[in-house]
Amino acid sequence: MSTRRGEVDPAVLPVRLPPLYAIVDAELAARHGRPPPDLAAACFDGGARLVQLRAPGVASGQLEEWCDAIVARAERYEAIVIVNDRADVARACGAAGVHVGQGDLPPAAARAILEPAAIVGLSTHDATQVAEAGSQPVSYLAVGPVYPTGTKATGYAPVGLALVHAAAARQPARPVVAIGGITLDRAPEVIASGAAAVAVISDLFRGDSPEQRVRAYVDQLGDCAPASDFP
């Protein structure tokens, strides 16, 4: 699956996602002295094949500059780049798609901006939102926060693994990405609950380097498979 727009086969929508969904948060990266393209490069070098660029409040010019650099790096690995919220930037930079939240641009409007084969992800935080997503043109669902997290204030209480499992059962055609408080130790139980992928943000900075941390996730997730007997 290519990072360049228009090269994803429309027949594969919804998409098959790699098990690690690495999120490059511009504010968090800055606190660690890492420009977003640098952090994304470390993720790709460590084995990540999907990176989301999240930079709320950043000017369009700066965001496009970062996105262009990340997409160029991703092409070396045939990796996927998703842009948070900004469908216009995703299209301009040739990213694979966009991720939107409940209060962002509606999925249908985001898809109208993008190429027909683009990936559109949607955040969900409760059973009602999961159910409503079934009638929307989304490629995958993000479910969370699964655990308590200090990275992003969502206004929602942790949903636990039960909602991840329920979402995967209710929307079997759409991959479920679990997000919120995910760590290397927790990742196997999250995948076992039915998630197709785990989204990792702050835990990228645990350990010696983001590249090594990503490699640890890739190695561990390669041994995991969704379980059908989750309680």
Protein backbone atom coordinates (compact mmCIF):
# COMPACT_ATOMS: atom_id res chain seq x y z
CA MET A 1 0.00 0.00 0.00
CA SER A 2 1.60 3.25 -1.09
CA THR A 3 1.84 6.53 0.73
CA ARG A 4 1.08 8.47 -2.47
CA ARG A 5 -2.50 9.48 -3.09
CA GLY A 6 -4.47 7.59 -5.68
CA GLU A 7 -2.31 4.47 -5.51
CA VAL A 8 -4.32 2.52 -2.95
CA ASP A 9 -6.69 0.06 -4.56
CA PRO A 10 -10.25 1.17 -3.73
CA ALA A 11 -11.26 -2.47 -3.52
CA VAL A 12 -9.30 -2.90 -0.29
CA LEU A 13 -11.24 -0.25 1.62
CA PRO A 14 -11.52 -0.74 4.57
CA VAL A 15 -7.81 -1.29 4.90
CA ARG A 16 -5.46 -3.78 6.46
CA LEU A 17 -3.30 -1.94 8.97
CA PRO A 18 0.09 -2.89 10.40
CA PRO A 19 -0.12 -3.79 14.12
CA LEU A 20 1.85 -0.73 15.26
CA TYR A 21 0.19 2.63 14.64
CA ALA A 22 2.87 5.14 15.63
CA ILE A 23 1.66 8.67 16.35
CA VAL A 24 4.13 11.52 15.95
CA ASP A 25 2.75 14.26 18.17
CA ALA A 26 4.46 17.57 17.38
CA GLU A 27 4.19 18.98 20.90
CA LEU A 28 5.52 15.83 22.54
CA ALA A 29 8.30 15.56 19.98
CA ALA A 30 9.33 19.16 20.67
CA ARG A 31 9.53 18.47 24.40
CA HIS A 32 12.03 15.76 23.60
CA GLY A 33 13.95 17.94 21.16
CA ARG A 34 12.90 15.95 18.11
CA PRO A 35 11.37 17.63 15.04
CA PRO A 36 8.39 15.57 13.81
CA PRO A 37 10.12 14.42 10.59
CA ASP A 38 13.09 13.25 12.65
CA LEU A 39 10.86 11.27 15.01
CA ALA A 40 8.92 9.80 12.09
CA ALA A 41 12.19 8.74 10.46
CA ALA A 42 13.19 6.96 13.67
CA CYS A 43 9.84 5.16 13.67
CA PHE A 44 10.26 4.02 10.07
CA ASP A 45 13.86 2.97 10.67
CA GLY A 46 12.69 0.95 13.69
CA GLY A 47 10.18 -0.96 11.59
CA ALA A 48 6.94 1.05 11.84
CA ARG A 49 4.97 0.98 8.62
CA LEU A 50 2.31 3.48 9.61
CA VAL A 51 2.81 6.92 11.14
CA GLN A 52 0.22 9.53 11.97
CA LEU A 53 1.34 13.16 12.09
CA ARG A 54 -0.56 15.04 14.76
CA ALA A 55 0.12 18.76 15.10
CA PRO A 56 -2.97 20.66 16.28
CA GLY A 57 -2.67 24.42 16.00
CA VAL A 58 0.39 24.35 13.76
CA ALA A 59 0.29 26.69 10.76
CA SER A 60 -0.54 25.06 7.44
CA GLY A 61 2.82 25.91 5.89
CA GLN A 62 4.79 24.30 8.68
CA LEU A 63 2.49 21.29 8.76
CA GLU A 64 2.85 20.76 5.01
CA GLU A 65 6.63 21.03 5.27
CA TRP A 66 6.70 18.34 7.96
CA CYS A 67 4.23 16.17 6.10
CA ASP A 68 6.18 16.40 2.84
CA ALA A 69 9.33 15.25 4.62
CA ILE A 70 7.56 12.38 6.38
CA VAL A 71 5.87 11.17 3.18
CA ALA A 72 9.21 11.26 1.35
CA ARG A 73 10.80 9.17 4.10
CA ALA A 74 7.87 6.76 4.17
CA GLU A 75 8.25 6.02 0.47
CA ARG A 76 11.55 4.28 1.19
CA TYR A 77 9.64 1.71 3.22
CA GLU A 78 6.32 1.66 1.35
CA ALA A 79 4.82 2.89 4.61
CA ILE A 80 1.55 4.67 5.32
CA VAL A 81 1.29 8.29 6.45
CA ILE A 82 -1.90 9.59 8.03
CA VAL A 83 -2.48 13.24 8.93
CA ASN A 84 -4.56 14.10 11.96
CA ASP A 85 -7.62 16.25 11.19
CA ARG A 86 -6.23 18.10 8.14
CA ALA A 87 -7.57 16.40 5.02
CA ASP A 88 -6.39 19.34 2.92
CA VAL A 89 -2.80 18.87 4.06
CA ALA A 90 -3.01 15.11 3.58
CA ARG A 91 -4.07 15.60 -0.03
CA ALA A 92 -1.53 18.34 -0.75
CA CYS A 93 1.34 16.22 0.56
CA GLY A 94 0.29 12.91 -0.92
CA ALA A 95 -0.35 11.24 2.43
CA ALA A 96 -2.42 8.06 2.44
CA GLY A 97 -5.26 9.62 4.39
CA VAL A 98 -6.58 11.45 7.40
CA HIS A 99 -7.75 10.69 10.92
CA VAL A 100 -10.63 12.69 12.37
CA GLY A 101 -12.16 12.95 15.81
CA GLN A 102 -15.75 13.30 16.90
CA GLY A 103 -15.54 17.09 16.81
CA ASP A 104 -13.49 17.38 13.64
CA LEU A 105 -14.44 17.39 9.97
CA PRO A 106 -17.07 14.66 9.39
CA PRO A 107 -15.66 11.56 7.66
CA ALA A 108 -17.79 12.11 4.55
CA ALA A 109 -16.50 15.67 4.19
CA ALA A 110 -12.92 14.53 4.74
CA ARG A 111 -13.28 11.81 2.13
CA ALA A 112 -14.70 14.34 -0.35
CA ILE A 113 -11.45 16.32 -0.10
CA LEU A 114 -9.25 13.28 -0.60
CA GLU A 115 -8.75 10.83 -3.44
CA PRO A 116 -11.40 8.08 -3.60
CA ALA A 117 -9.01 5.43 -2.30
CA ALA A 118 -7.82 7.46 0.69
CA ILE A 119 -7.80 6.09 4.22
CA VAL A 120 -10.17 7.83 6.63
CA GLY A 121 -10.02 6.92 10.32
CA LEU A 122 -12.46 7.96 13.03
CA SER A 123 -12.06 8.21 16.81
CA THR A 124 -14.75 6.56 18.93
CA HIS A 125 -15.10 6.66 22.70
CA ASP A 126 -18.23 4.72 23.57
CA ALA A 127 -20.61 2.08 22.25
CA THR A 128 -22.94 4.63 20.68
CA GLN A 129 -20.16 6.20 18.63
CA VAL A 130 -18.96 2.77 17.54
CA ALA A 131 -22.47 1.91 16.35
CA GLU A 132 -22.88 5.21 14.52
CA ALA A 133 -19.57 4.71 12.73
CA GLY A 134 -21.11 1.79 10.88
CA SER A 135 -22.98 4.15 8.57
CA GLN A 136 -20.02 6.45 7.91
CA PRO A 137 -17.41 6.14 5.13
CA VAL A 138 -14.50 5.25 7.39
CA SER A 139 -11.68 2.79 6.79
CA TYR A 140 -10.92 2.02 10.43
CA LEU A 141 -12.05 2.91 13.95
CA ALA A 142 -9.84 4.17 16.75
CA VAL A 143 -11.24 3.14 20.15
CA GLY A 144 -10.15 4.72 23.40
CA PRO A 145 -8.77 5.86 25.62
CA VAL A 146 -8.31 2.23 26.61
CA TYR A 147 -6.26 3.09 29.70
CA PRO A 148 -5.69 6.35 31.59
CA THR A 149 -3.45 8.66 29.58
CA GLY A 150 -1.92 12.07 30.04
CA THR A 151 -0.95 12.61 26.40
CA LYS A 152 -4.23 14.02 25.16
CA ALA A 153 -7.26 15.29 27.09
CA THR A 154 -10.22 13.57 25.43
CA GLY A 155 -12.92 14.31 27.99
CA TYR A 156 -13.73 10.60 28.02
CA ALA A 157 -13.11 8.07 30.77
CA PRO A 158 -10.98 5.02 29.96
CA VAL A 159 -13.09 2.48 28.07
CA GLY A 160 -11.08 -0.63 28.85
CA LEU A 161 -10.59 -3.67 26.68
CA ALA A 162 -14.29 -4.54 26.62
CA LEU A 163 -15.14 -1.74 24.18
CA VAL A 164 -12.20 -2.70 21.97
CA HIS A 165 -13.55 -6.23 21.81
CA ALA A 166 -17.13 -5.04 21.24
CA ALA A 167 -16.06 -2.67 18.45
CA ALA A 168 -14.13 -5.41 16.67
CA ALA A 169 -17.16 -7.69 16.90
CA ARG A 170 -19.66 -5.04 15.80
CA GLN A 171 -17.57 -3.66 12.92
CA PRO A 172 -15.75 -6.75 11.61
CA ALA A 173 -15.03 -5.17 8.22
CA ARG A 174 -13.17 -2.25 9.78
CA PRO A 175 -9.89 -2.62 11.66
CA VAL A 176 -9.96 -1.39 15.25
CA VAL A 177 -7.02 0.68 16.48
CA ALA A 178 -6.77 0.79 20.26
CA ILE A 179 -5.43 4.07 21.65
CA GLY A 180 -4.75 5.62 25.03
CA GLY A 181 -2.23 4.53 27.63
CA ILE A 182 -0.78 1.79 25.44
CA THR A 183 2.59 0.48 26.58
CA LEU A 184 4.85 -2.33 25.44
CA ASP A 185 3.68 -4.50 28.34
CA ARG A 186 0.00 -3.87 27.62
CA ALA A 187 0.14 -4.31 23.85
CA PRO A 188 -0.33 -8.12 23.77
CA GLU A 189 -3.53 -8.05 25.82
CA VAL A 190 -4.88 -5.25 23.64
CA ILE A 191 -4.29 -7.24 20.46
CA ALA A 192 -5.80 -10.29 22.16
CA SER A 193 -8.97 -8.29 22.82
CA GLY A 194 -9.55 -7.90 19.09
CA ALA A 195 -7.61 -4.79 18.10
CA ALA A 196 -5.93 -4.91 14.71
CA ALA A 197 -3.37 -2.35 15.84
CA VAL A 198 -2.19 -0.38 18.86
CA ALA A 199 -1.61 3.36 18.66
CA VAL A 200 1.45 4.47 20.59
CA ILE A 201 2.37 8.04 21.42
CA SER A 202 4.28 8.83 24.62
CA ASP A 203 5.63 5.30 25.02
CA LEU A 204 7.73 5.86 21.91
CA PHE A 205 10.08 7.80 24.18
CA ARG A 206 10.59 5.02 26.72
CA GLY A 207 13.84 3.11 26.53
CA ASP A 208 17.09 4.11 24.88
CA SER A 209 15.63 5.66 21.73
CA PRO A 210 12.37 5.86 19.75
CA GLU A 211 13.89 3.67 17.04
CA GLN A 212 14.73 0.91 19.51
CA ARG A 213 11.36 1.26 21.23
CA VAL A 214 9.56 0.90 17.91
CA ARG A 215 11.67 -2.13 17.08
CA ALA A 216 10.65 -3.69 20.40
CA TYR A 217 6.97 -3.13 19.55
CA VAL A 218 7.37 -4.54 16.05
CA ASP A 219 9.13 -7.64 17.38
CA GLN A 220 6.53 -8.21 20.09
CA LEU A 221 3.48 -7.52 17.93
CA GLY A 222 4.77 -9.90 15.30
CA ASP A 223 4.16 -12.68 17.80
CA CYS A 224 0.63 -11.53 18.70
CA ALA A 225 -2.67 -12.44 17.08
CA PRO A 226 -6.23 -11.39 17.91
CA ALA A 227 -7.95 -13.93 20.13
CA SER A 228 -11.47 -15.18 19.46
CA ASP A 229 -12.09 -16.22 23.05
CA PHE A 230 -11.71 -12.85 24.76
CA PRO A 231 -13.97 -12.94 27.85
